[in-house]
């Protein structure tokens, strides 16, 4: 039994679906969450990244404090169509756990 070796021009990953196309609903939710975060006075100047997968909002980045983190999560939950929010925002001044 021999194992086929790919030629340099072969695209073995084409068509395997490693990266699925984003759902239009996810794109709409992402745009709405980003818009609300940019309008609210608590979150507008924060370093927040928004991504959405299967209607789950993922918030990441650094914020000024726990109030901004909480408000960002609440704003994301208020967008129609959101089924869950993964709030991984970290306050800038938060201490890391002791080791």
Protein backbone atom coordinates (compact mmCIF):
# COMPACT_ATOMS: atom_id res chain seq x y z
CA UNK A 1 0.00 0.00 0.00
CA UNK A 2 1.40 3.37 -0.94
CA UNK A 3 0.51 6.74 0.45
CA UNK A 4 -0.13 9.46 -2.14
CA UNK A 5 2.07 12.52 -1.73
CA UNK A 6 0.57 15.88 -2.67
CA UNK A 7 2.16 17.82 -5.47
CA UNK A 8 3.12 21.43 -4.68
CA UNK A 9 0.24 22.78 -6.75
CA UNK A 10 -2.40 20.48 -5.23
CA UNK A 11 -4.85 22.20 -2.95
CA UNK A 12 -5.77 19.35 -0.62
CA UNK A 13 -7.78 21.54 1.72
CA UNK A 14 -10.06 23.01 -0.95
CA UNK A 15 -13.61 21.98 -0.36
CA UNK A 16 -13.04 20.53 3.11
CA UNK A 17 -14.96 23.37 4.70
CA UNK A 18 -12.38 24.33 7.33
CA UNK A 19 -13.72 27.87 7.40
CA UNK A 20 -17.47 28.07 7.05
CA UNK A 21 -18.98 31.18 5.53
CA UNK A 22 -20.44 33.45 8.21
CA UNK A 23 -24.20 33.32 8.48
CA UNK A 24 -25.95 36.53 7.44
CA UNK A 25 -27.79 36.49 10.78
CA UNK A 26 -24.47 36.35 12.60
CA UNK A 27 -23.18 39.29 10.57
CA UNK A 28 -26.32 41.30 11.39
CA UNK A 29 -25.97 40.53 15.11
CA UNK A 30 -22.27 41.43 15.04
CA UNK A 31 -23.00 44.78 13.40
CA UNK A 32 -25.79 45.60 15.85
CA UNK A 33 -23.71 44.73 18.91
CA UNK A 34 -20.76 46.77 17.62
CA UNK A 35 -23.08 49.70 16.92
CA UNK A 36 -24.59 49.61 20.40
CA UNK A 37 -21.16 49.39 22.02
CA UNK A 38 -19.96 52.40 20.02
CA UNK A 39 -23.01 54.50 20.99
CA UNK A 40 -23.13 53.81 24.74
CA UNK A 41 -21.07 56.28 26.78
CA UNK A 42 -19.71 53.52 29.05
CA UNK A 43 -18.32 51.34 26.25
CA UNK A 44 -17.61 53.69 23.34
CA UNK A 45 -13.92 54.29 24.09
CA UNK A 46 -13.09 50.74 25.15
CA UNK A 47 -10.98 48.16 23.27
CA UNK A 48 -13.73 45.63 22.58
CA UNK A 49 -13.73 43.06 19.79
CA UNK A 50 -17.04 41.52 18.78
CA UNK A 51 -17.46 38.22 16.97
CA UNK A 52 -20.53 36.04 16.51
CA UNK A 53 -20.79 32.32 15.85
CA UNK A 54 -24.15 30.57 15.66
CA UNK A 55 -25.85 33.59 17.27
CA UNK A 56 -23.44 33.48 20.25
CA UNK A 57 -21.74 36.85 20.83
CA UNK A 58 -18.09 36.70 21.91
CA UNK A 59 -16.75 39.88 23.53
CA UNK A 60 -13.00 40.15 24.01
CA UNK A 61 -10.50 42.88 24.81
CA UNK A 62 -9.67 45.32 27.57
CA UNK A 63 -12.05 47.69 29.33
CA UNK A 64 -11.58 50.38 31.96
CA UNK A 65 -13.35 48.51 34.74
CA UNK A 66 -15.97 46.00 35.79
CA UNK A 67 -18.80 48.46 35.07
CA UNK A 68 -17.82 48.70 31.40
CA UNK A 69 -17.52 44.90 31.24
CA UNK A 70 -21.01 44.44 32.67
CA UNK A 71 -22.60 47.09 30.45
CA UNK A 72 -21.02 45.55 27.33
CA UNK A 73 -22.48 42.16 28.21
CA UNK A 74 -25.92 43.64 28.85
CA UNK A 75 -25.87 45.56 25.56
CA UNK A 76 -24.97 42.37 23.69
CA UNK A 77 -27.80 40.44 25.36
CA UNK A 78 -30.30 43.13 24.34
CA UNK A 79 -29.72 42.55 20.61
CA UNK A 80 -32.55 40.52 19.05
CA UNK A 81 -31.48 37.03 17.94
CA UNK A 82 -28.67 36.58 20.47
CA UNK A 83 -28.86 33.18 22.18
CA UNK A 84 -25.79 33.54 24.43
CA UNK A 85 -22.99 35.95 25.30
CA UNK A 86 -19.43 34.89 26.08
CA UNK A 87 -18.00 37.90 27.89
CA UNK A 88 -14.22 37.50 28.07
CA UNK A 89 -13.55 41.22 28.57
CA UNK A 90 -10.82 41.98 31.10
CA UNK A 91 -10.54 45.14 33.18
CA UNK A 92 -7.18 46.87 32.60
CA UNK A 93 -6.40 47.27 36.30
CA UNK A 94 -7.53 43.81 37.37
CA UNK A 95 -4.95 41.78 39.24
CA UNK A 96 -4.11 38.34 38.03
CA UNK A 97 -4.59 35.45 40.41
CA UNK A 98 -1.70 34.58 42.68
CA UNK A 99 0.32 31.53 41.84
